Structure formats: structure tokens, C-alpha cells
């Protein structure tokens, strides 16, 4: 299962990059959840509710409607490591790109995907939250940056 889980998880990233809601839905289980550190800089800068990523439609909404409001040009993704065991796939990733307020974003992430066949059931997101705040807000008071 490890090789197929790894390939399926890579397909999830491709679906996310497509920005097509139907393609994204197709790689998420009905009960998919995305667990991210609450009140992280992206969530604060977008003014999002803490429970947005708790549903499949919330995940689709974040990827289609919200993400590009903070990163209008998108982010460049560099995967530095991918490890799989059973239905668990771990990605080490660096995301870089400009923010809506002109700052350069460059942060490292660790993602854990719990796969259910070719679809992801649960996404765990870990990042340097302190660095995220410094990169997005600098010395300014953290706040929503978008309308």
C-alpha cells in the first residue's frame, strides 16, 4: 500500500494545484478534515474562522476562494522529502512567494496525509508559526489583510 499511498497523495497535491473544485473534491473523502495550527498567520491574515477546514467543502473553499486572496500569484512548492508507511504519507515542503501586502513568504512545512485509497481522509499541517507571522506581518499588528 505504501507505493500506492505515495502516488495517491502526490495526486492530491496535483488536484489542489488545479484550483478546480470538482477535481479537488474528487481527492477528498466525504468526511475529510484539515488540521492546522489554530490562529496561524494565514488564517489571521485571511480573517478565517478556526473551523473552516473541518469539512470537505471548507477545504475546497479555502483552496479556491481564500488562498489566492493572500497569495495572489500562488506559491512555489518544493518538496524536499516524501515518506510513506501504510496509508500515511509525510511530506516535507518549502513554500515561497509574495503576499498581498508585498512581503516575501518563505516557510517550511510538514504535512501528514492519512489516505483512504486514492483520497485523503485527514490532513495534518505543521509549520513554523512564529516565522509565518514574521513573514506575513513583520513588526505590524497581526490582522486581516483582505476584505
N, C-alpha and C. Protein backbone atom coordinates (compact mmCIF):
# COMPACT_ATOMS: atom_id res chain seq x y z
N UNK A 1 0.82 -1.21 0.00
CA UNK A 1 0.00 0.00 0.00
C UNK A 1 0.85 1.26 0.00
N UNK A 2 2.08 1.19 0.53
CA UNK A 2 2.92 2.38 0.66
C UNK A 2 3.14 3.09 -0.67
N UNK A 3 3.54 2.35 -1.71
CA UNK A 3 3.80 2.98 -3.01
C UNK A 3 2.54 3.60 -3.57
N UNK A 4 1.42 2.90 -3.46
CA UNK A 4 0.18 3.46 -4.00
C UNK A 4 -0.29 4.65 -3.17
N UNK A 5 -0.09 4.61 -1.85
CA UNK A 5 -0.45 5.75 -1.00
C UNK A 5 0.37 6.97 -1.38
N UNK A 6 1.65 6.75 -1.62
CA UNK A 6 2.54 7.86 -2.01
C UNK A 6 2.08 8.48 -3.33
N UNK A 7 1.76 7.64 -4.30
CA UNK A 7 1.29 8.14 -5.59
C UNK A 7 -0.05 8.85 -5.48
N UNK A 8 -0.95 8.28 -4.67
CA UNK A 8 -2.26 8.92 -4.47
C UNK A 8 -2.11 10.26 -3.78
N UNK A 9 -1.23 10.34 -2.79
CA UNK A 9 -1.02 11.60 -2.07
C UNK A 9 -0.43 12.65 -3.01
N UNK A 10 0.47 12.24 -3.89
CA UNK A 10 1.00 13.18 -4.89
C UNK A 10 -0.12 13.68 -5.79
N UNK A 11 -1.09 12.81 -6.09
CA UNK A 11 -2.25 13.20 -6.87
C UNK A 11 -3.12 14.23 -6.17
N UNK A 12 -3.15 14.16 -4.84
CA UNK A 12 -3.90 15.16 -4.07
C UNK A 12 -3.29 16.54 -4.29
N UNK A 13 -1.96 16.64 -4.22
CA UNK A 13 -1.30 17.93 -4.45
C UNK A 13 -1.59 18.45 -5.85
N UNK A 14 -1.58 17.56 -6.84
CA UNK A 14 -1.89 17.98 -8.22
C UNK A 14 -3.33 18.50 -8.31
N UNK A 15 -4.23 17.82 -7.63
CA UNK A 15 -5.63 18.27 -7.63
C UNK A 15 -5.75 19.64 -6.98
N UNK A 16 -5.06 19.85 -5.85
CA UNK A 16 -5.09 21.15 -5.18
C UNK A 16 -4.58 22.24 -6.12
N UNK A 17 -3.50 21.95 -6.84
CA UNK A 17 -2.90 22.93 -7.75
C UNK A 17 -3.82 23.25 -8.93
N UNK A 18 -4.73 22.35 -9.26
CA UNK A 18 -5.63 22.56 -10.40
C UNK A 18 -6.59 23.72 -10.16
N UNK A 19 -6.90 23.99 -8.89
CA UNK A 19 -7.85 25.02 -8.49
C UNK A 19 -9.25 24.75 -9.06
N UNK A 20 -9.50 23.52 -9.44
CA UNK A 20 -10.81 23.11 -9.94
C UNK A 20 -11.57 22.44 -8.78
N UNK A 21 -12.69 23.02 -8.35
CA UNK A 21 -13.38 22.48 -7.17
C UNK A 21 -13.81 21.02 -7.32
N UNK A 22 -14.22 20.62 -8.51
CA UNK A 22 -14.65 19.22 -8.69
C UNK A 22 -13.47 18.26 -8.61
N UNK A 23 -12.35 18.66 -9.17
CA UNK A 23 -11.15 17.82 -9.09
C UNK A 23 -10.68 17.73 -7.64
N UNK A 24 -10.71 18.84 -6.93
CA UNK A 24 -10.30 18.83 -5.52
C UNK A 24 -11.24 17.94 -4.71
N UNK A 25 -12.53 18.08 -4.90
CA UNK A 25 -13.49 17.23 -4.18
C UNK A 25 -13.23 15.76 -4.43
N UNK A 26 -12.81 15.42 -5.64
CA UNK A 26 -12.62 14.01 -6.01
C UNK A 26 -11.47 13.35 -5.25
N UNK A 27 -10.56 14.13 -4.68
CA UNK A 27 -9.43 13.54 -3.94
C UNK A 27 -9.62 13.63 -2.43
N UNK A 28 -10.78 14.13 -2.00
CA UNK A 28 -11.09 14.25 -0.58
C UNK A 28 -12.23 13.30 -0.23
N UNK A 29 -12.10 12.59 0.89
CA UNK A 29 -13.22 11.76 1.34
C UNK A 29 -14.36 12.68 1.77
N UNK A 30 -15.55 12.14 1.87
CA UNK A 30 -16.72 12.93 2.30
C UNK A 30 -16.48 13.60 3.65
N UNK A 31 -15.75 12.90 4.54
CA UNK A 31 -15.52 13.41 5.90
C UNK A 31 -14.11 13.97 6.08
N UNK A 32 -13.49 14.42 4.99
CA UNK A 32 -12.12 14.94 5.05
C UNK A 32 -12.02 16.12 6.00
N UNK A 33 -10.90 16.17 6.71
CA UNK A 33 -10.58 17.31 7.58
C UNK A 33 -9.13 17.70 7.37
N UNK A 34 -8.85 18.97 7.63
CA UNK A 34 -7.50 19.53 7.51
C UNK A 34 -7.22 20.17 8.86
N UNK A 35 -6.25 19.64 9.56
CA UNK A 35 -5.93 20.11 10.91
C UNK A 35 -4.67 20.97 10.83
N UNK A 36 -4.84 22.27 11.06
CA UNK A 36 -3.73 23.22 11.03
C UNK A 36 -3.65 23.92 12.38
N UNK A 37 -2.47 24.46 12.73
CA UNK A 37 -2.38 25.21 13.99
C UNK A 37 -3.40 26.36 13.99
N UNK A 38 -4.23 26.39 15.03
CA UNK A 38 -5.24 27.45 15.11
C UNK A 38 -4.58 28.82 15.24
N UNK A 39 -5.21 29.79 14.63
CA UNK A 39 -4.76 31.19 14.65
C UNK A 39 -3.38 31.35 14.01
N UNK A 40 -3.05 30.50 13.02
CA UNK A 40 -1.79 30.68 12.31
C UNK A 40 -1.89 31.94 11.46
N UNK A 41 -0.76 32.42 10.97
CA UNK A 41 -0.71 33.71 10.28
C UNK A 41 -1.60 33.76 9.04
N UNK A 42 -1.67 32.68 8.29
CA UNK A 42 -2.53 32.65 7.10
C UNK A 42 -3.99 32.81 7.50
N UNK A 43 -4.40 32.08 8.51
CA UNK A 43 -5.79 32.15 8.98
C UNK A 43 -6.12 33.56 9.46
N UNK A 44 -5.21 34.17 10.21
CA UNK A 44 -5.44 35.53 10.73
C UNK A 44 -5.46 36.53 9.58
N UNK A 45 -4.48 36.45 8.67
CA UNK A 45 -4.41 37.40 7.56
C UNK A 45 -5.63 37.32 6.65
N UNK A 46 -6.24 36.15 6.58
CA UNK A 46 -7.44 35.98 5.76
C UNK A 46 -8.72 36.21 6.54
N UNK A 47 -8.61 36.36 7.86
CA UNK A 47 -9.80 36.57 8.69
C UNK A 47 -10.73 35.37 8.69
N UNK A 48 -10.17 34.16 8.65
CA UNK A 48 -10.97 32.95 8.54
C UNK A 48 -11.36 32.38 9.90
N UNK A 49 -12.51 31.74 9.93
CA UNK A 49 -12.96 31.03 11.13
C UNK A 49 -12.04 29.85 11.40
N UNK A 50 -11.87 29.51 12.67
CA UNK A 50 -10.96 28.42 13.03
C UNK A 50 -11.48 27.06 12.58
N UNK A 51 -12.76 26.94 12.28
CA UNK A 51 -13.31 25.64 11.91
C UNK A 51 -13.50 25.46 10.40
N UNK A 52 -12.99 26.37 9.59
CA UNK A 52 -13.21 26.31 8.14
C UNK A 52 -12.75 24.99 7.53
N UNK A 53 -11.61 24.48 7.97
CA UNK A 53 -11.02 23.30 7.34
C UNK A 53 -11.53 21.99 7.90
N UNK A 54 -12.58 22.04 8.69
CA UNK A 54 -13.11 20.82 9.32
C UNK A 54 -14.04 20.03 8.41
N UNK A 55 -14.34 20.55 7.21
CA UNK A 55 -15.21 19.85 6.28
C UNK A 55 -14.60 19.85 4.88
N UNK A 56 -15.06 18.93 4.06
CA UNK A 56 -14.58 18.87 2.69
C UNK A 56 -14.89 20.17 1.95
N UNK A 57 -16.09 20.69 2.10
CA UNK A 57 -16.44 21.94 1.41
C UNK A 57 -15.63 23.12 1.94
N UNK A 58 -15.30 23.10 3.23
CA UNK A 58 -14.45 24.14 3.79
C UNK A 58 -13.06 24.11 3.19
N UNK A 59 -12.53 22.90 2.99
CA UNK A 59 -11.21 22.75 2.37
C UNK A 59 -11.25 23.28 0.94
N UNK A 60 -12.27 22.89 0.19
CA UNK A 60 -12.42 23.38 -1.19
C UNK A 60 -12.52 24.90 -1.20
N UNK A 61 -13.31 25.45 -0.31
CA UNK A 61 -13.48 26.90 -0.22
C UNK A 61 -12.15 27.59 0.07
N UNK A 62 -11.37 27.04 1.00
CA UNK A 62 -10.07 27.63 1.32
C UNK A 62 -9.18 27.65 0.08
N UNK A 63 -9.09 26.53 -0.60
CA UNK A 63 -8.19 26.43 -1.75
C UNK A 63 -8.64 27.27 -2.94
N UNK A 64 -9.94 27.36 -3.17
CA UNK A 64 -10.47 28.06 -4.35
C UNK A 64 -10.72 29.54 -4.09
N UNK A 65 -11.33 29.86 -2.96
CA UNK A 65 -11.77 31.23 -2.71
C UNK A 65 -10.81 32.06 -1.86
N UNK A 66 -10.13 31.45 -0.92
CA UNK A 66 -9.39 32.22 0.07
C UNK A 66 -7.88 32.29 -0.15
N UNK A 67 -7.25 31.19 -0.46
CA UNK A 67 -5.79 31.12 -0.53
C UNK A 67 -5.20 32.20 -1.43
N UNK A 68 -5.77 32.39 -2.61
CA UNK A 68 -5.23 33.37 -3.57
C UNK A 68 -5.48 34.81 -3.14
N UNK A 69 -6.34 35.03 -2.17
CA UNK A 69 -6.52 36.39 -1.67
C UNK A 69 -5.28 36.84 -0.90
N UNK A 70 -4.60 35.93 -0.24
CA UNK A 70 -3.37 36.26 0.49
C UNK A 70 -2.14 36.10 -0.38
N UNK A 71 -2.18 35.11 -1.25
CA UNK A 71 -1.05 34.82 -2.15
C UNK A 71 -1.57 34.89 -3.59
N UNK A 72 -1.80 36.12 -4.12
CA UNK A 72 -2.46 36.27 -5.42
C UNK A 72 -1.72 35.61 -6.58
N UNK A 73 -0.40 35.48 -6.46
CA UNK A 73 0.37 34.83 -7.52
C UNK A 73 0.59 33.36 -7.23
N UNK A 74 -0.02 32.87 -6.15
CA UNK A 74 0.21 31.50 -5.74
C UNK A 74 1.55 31.38 -5.03
N UNK A 75 1.89 30.18 -4.65
CA UNK A 75 3.17 29.91 -4.00
C UNK A 75 3.90 28.84 -4.78
N UNK A 76 5.22 28.92 -4.78
CA UNK A 76 6.04 27.87 -5.36
C UNK A 76 6.26 26.81 -4.30
N UNK A 77 6.06 25.58 -4.69
CA UNK A 77 6.16 24.45 -3.76
C UNK A 77 7.38 23.60 -4.11
N UNK A 78 8.20 23.33 -3.10
CA UNK A 78 9.37 22.47 -3.28
C UNK A 78 9.30 21.37 -2.24
N UNK A 79 9.07 20.15 -2.69
CA UNK A 79 9.04 19.01 -1.77
C UNK A 79 10.46 18.51 -1.58
N UNK A 80 10.91 18.49 -0.34
CA UNK A 80 12.28 18.06 -0.05
C UNK A 80 12.35 16.61 0.43
N UNK A 81 11.20 16.07 0.85
CA UNK A 81 11.18 14.69 1.33
C UNK A 81 9.75 14.17 1.31
N UNK A 82 9.59 12.92 0.93
CA UNK A 82 8.30 12.25 0.97
C UNK A 82 8.54 10.86 1.54
N UNK A 83 7.81 10.54 2.60
CA UNK A 83 7.95 9.25 3.28
C UNK A 83 6.56 8.65 3.41
N UNK A 84 6.44 7.36 3.14
CA UNK A 84 5.14 6.70 3.26
C UNK A 84 5.28 5.40 4.04
N UNK A 85 4.27 5.13 4.83
CA UNK A 85 4.16 3.85 5.53
C UNK A 85 2.68 3.52 5.65
N UNK A 86 2.29 2.42 5.06
CA UNK A 86 0.87 2.06 5.06
C UNK A 86 0.06 3.12 4.36
N UNK A 87 -0.97 3.62 5.03
CA UNK A 87 -1.82 4.66 4.42
C UNK A 87 -1.43 6.07 4.85
N UNK A 88 -0.26 6.22 5.48
CA UNK A 88 0.24 7.52 5.95
C UNK A 88 1.36 8.00 5.02
N UNK A 89 1.24 9.24 4.55
CA UNK A 89 2.28 9.84 3.71
C UNK A 89 2.68 11.16 4.35
N UNK A 90 4.00 11.35 4.50
CA UNK A 90 4.55 12.55 5.12
C UNK A 90 5.34 13.32 4.07
N UNK A 91 5.04 14.61 3.95
CA UNK A 91 5.74 15.49 3.02
C UNK A 91 6.47 16.56 3.80
N UNK A 92 7.72 16.82 3.43
CA UNK A 92 8.44 18.00 3.91
C UNK A 92 8.46 18.95 2.72
N UNK A 93 8.07 20.20 2.96
CA UNK A 93 7.85 21.12 1.85
C UNK A 93 8.29 22.53 2.21
N UNK A 94 8.75 23.24 1.21
CA UNK A 94 9.05 24.67 1.34
C UNK A 94 8.11 25.40 0.40
N UNK A 95 7.42 26.43 0.93
CA UNK A 95 6.52 27.26 0.14
C UNK A 95 7.08 28.68 0.08
N UNK A 96 7.17 29.23 -1.13
CA UNK A 96 7.71 30.58 -1.30
C UNK A 96 6.83 31.37 -2.27
N UNK A 97 6.81 32.69 -2.05
CA UNK A 97 6.08 33.57 -2.96
C UNK A 97 5.68 34.86 -2.28
N UNK A 98 5.22 35.83 -3.06
CA UNK A 98 4.82 37.12 -2.50
C UNK A 98 3.42 37.08 -1.88
N UNK A 99 3.24 37.88 -0.84
CA UNK A 99 1.93 38.02 -0.20
C UNK A 99 1.22 39.24 -0.78
N UNK A 100 -0.05 39.39 -0.43
CA UNK A 100 -0.86 40.51 -0.90
C UNK A 100 -0.28 41.86 -0.45
N UNK A 101 0.43 41.86 0.68
CA UNK A 101 1.00 43.11 1.19
C UNK A 101 2.45 43.31 0.75
N UNK A 102 2.90 42.54 -0.25
CA UNK A 102 4.22 42.75 -0.83
C UNK A 102 5.38 42.09 -0.11
N UNK A 103 5.11 41.33 0.92
CA UNK A 103 6.18 40.65 1.64
C UNK A 103 6.53 39.33 0.95
N UNK A 104 7.77 38.91 1.12
CA UNK A 104 8.21 37.62 0.58
C UNK A 104 7.96 36.54 1.61
N UNK A 105 7.19 35.54 1.21
CA UNK A 105 6.88 34.41 2.09
C UNK A 105 7.83 33.26 1.76
N UNK A 106 8.43 32.66 2.77
CA UNK A 106 9.36 31.54 2.59
C UNK A 106 9.35 30.73 3.88
N UNK A 107 8.51 29.70 3.91
CA UNK A 107 8.36 28.92 5.14
C UNK A 107 8.40 27.44 4.81
N UNK A 108 8.77 26.66 5.81
CA UNK A 108 8.84 25.20 5.67
C UNK A 108 7.65 24.56 6.36
N UNK A 109 7.19 23.49 5.78
CA UNK A 109 6.01 22.78 6.26
C UNK A 109 6.29 21.29 6.37
N UNK A 110 5.53 20.64 7.23
CA UNK A 110 5.45 19.20 7.29
C UNK A 110 3.97 18.85 7.20
N UNK A 111 3.64 18.00 6.28
CA UNK A 111 2.25 17.57 6.06
C UNK A 111 2.16 16.07 6.30
N UNK A 112 1.13 15.65 6.99
CA UNK A 112 0.86 14.23 7.15
C UNK A 112 -0.52 13.98 6.54
N UNK A 113 -0.55 13.16 5.51
CA UNK A 113 -1.80 12.78 4.86
C UNK A 113 -2.19 11.38 5.33
N UNK A 114 -3.41 11.24 5.79
CA UNK A 114 -3.98 9.92 6.08
C UNK A 114 -4.84 9.58 4.87
N UNK A 115 -4.40 8.61 4.10
CA UNK A 115 -5.07 8.27 2.85
C UNK A 115 -6.14 7.21 3.06
N UNK A 116 -7.15 7.25 2.22
CA UNK A 116 -8.19 6.24 2.14
C UNK A 116 -8.27 5.87 0.66
N UNK A 117 -7.46 4.92 0.26
CA UNK A 117 -7.33 4.60 -1.16
C UNK A 117 -6.68 5.76 -1.88
N UNK A 118 -7.33 6.26 -2.92
CA UNK A 118 -6.78 7.38 -3.71
C UNK A 118 -7.18 8.74 -3.17
N UNK A 119 -7.92 8.75 -2.05
CA UNK A 119 -8.39 10.02 -1.50
C UNK A 119 -7.79 10.26 -0.11
N UNK A 120 -7.69 11.52 0.26
CA UNK A 120 -7.15 11.86 1.58
C UNK A 120 -8.32 12.03 2.55
N UNK A 121 -8.14 11.44 3.72
CA UNK A 121 -9.17 11.48 4.77
C UNK A 121 -8.86 12.58 5.79
N UNK A 122 -7.57 12.73 6.09
CA UNK A 122 -7.19 13.72 7.09
C UNK A 122 -5.84 14.31 6.69
N UNK A 123 -5.75 15.63 6.80
CA UNK A 123 -4.51 16.35 6.53
C UNK A 123 -4.08 17.02 7.82
N UNK A 124 -2.85 16.74 8.24
CA UNK A 124 -2.26 17.42 9.39
C UNK A 124 -1.20 18.37 8.83
N UNK A 125 -1.29 19.63 9.17
CA UNK A 125 -0.36 20.65 8.68
C UNK A 125 0.46 21.19 9.84
N UNK A 126 1.78 21.19 9.67
CA UNK A 126 2.68 21.75 10.67
C UNK A 126 3.60 22.74 9.97
N UNK A 127 3.81 23.89 10.60
CA UNK A 127 4.72 24.88 10.04
C UNK A 127 5.32 25.69 11.18
N UNK A 128 6.31 26.48 10.87
CA UNK A 128 6.90 27.40 11.85
C UNK A 128 5.94 28.58 11.96
N UNK A 129 5.07 28.55 12.95
CA UNK A 129 4.04 29.59 13.08
C UNK A 129 4.64 30.95 13.42
N UNK A 130 5.69 30.98 14.23
CA UNK A 130 6.33 32.26 14.56
C UNK A 130 6.90 32.89 13.29
N UNK A 131 7.61 32.09 12.52
CA UNK A 131 8.18 32.59 11.26
C UNK A 131 7.06 33.06 10.32
N UNK A 132 5.96 32.32 10.27
CA UNK A 132 4.84 32.71 9.42
C UNK A 132 4.33 34.11 9.76
N UNK A 133 4.19 34.39 11.06
CA UNK A 133 3.75 35.72 11.48
C UNK A 133 4.76 36.78 11.07
N UNK A 134 6.06 36.52 11.26
CA UNK A 134 7.10 37.49 10.89
C UNK A 134 7.10 37.74 9.38
N UNK A 135 6.92 36.68 8.61
CA UNK A 135 6.94 36.81 7.15
C UNK A 135 5.73 37.57 6.61
N UNK A 136 4.57 37.34 7.18
CA UNK A 136 3.35 37.98 6.67
C UNK A 136 3.14 39.37 7.26
N UNK A 137 3.40 39.53 8.55
CA UNK A 137 3.09 40.80 9.21
C UNK A 137 4.31 41.65 9.57
N UNK A 138 5.51 41.07 9.60
CA UNK A 138 6.69 41.81 10.04
C UNK A 138 6.49 42.31 11.46
N UNK A 139 6.71 43.59 11.69
CA UNK A 139 6.53 44.19 13.01
C UNK A 139 5.12 44.75 13.21
N UNK A 140 4.28 44.61 12.21
CA UNK A 140 2.92 45.15 12.29
C UNK A 140 2.03 44.24 13.15
N UNK A 141 0.97 44.81 13.66
CA UNK A 141 0.00 44.04 14.43
C UNK A 141 -0.72 43.05 13.51
N UNK A 142 -0.75 41.76 13.86
CA UNK A 142 -1.47 40.79 13.04
C UNK A 142 -2.95 41.15 12.91
N UNK A 143 -3.46 41.06 11.68
CA UNK A 143 -4.85 41.43 11.40
C UNK A 143 -5.22 40.86 10.03
N UNK A 144 -6.49 40.95 9.71
CA UNK A 144 -6.92 40.53 8.38
C UNK A 144 -6.35 41.50 7.34
N UNK A 145 -5.78 40.96 6.29
CA UNK A 145 -5.20 41.78 5.23
C UNK A 145 -6.09 41.87 4.00
N UNK A 146 -7.20 41.17 4.02
CA UNK A 146 -8.09 41.13 2.86
C UNK A 146 -9.49 41.54 3.27
N UNK A 147 -10.28 41.97 2.29
CA UNK A 147 -11.67 42.35 2.56
C UNK A 147 -12.57 41.13 2.52
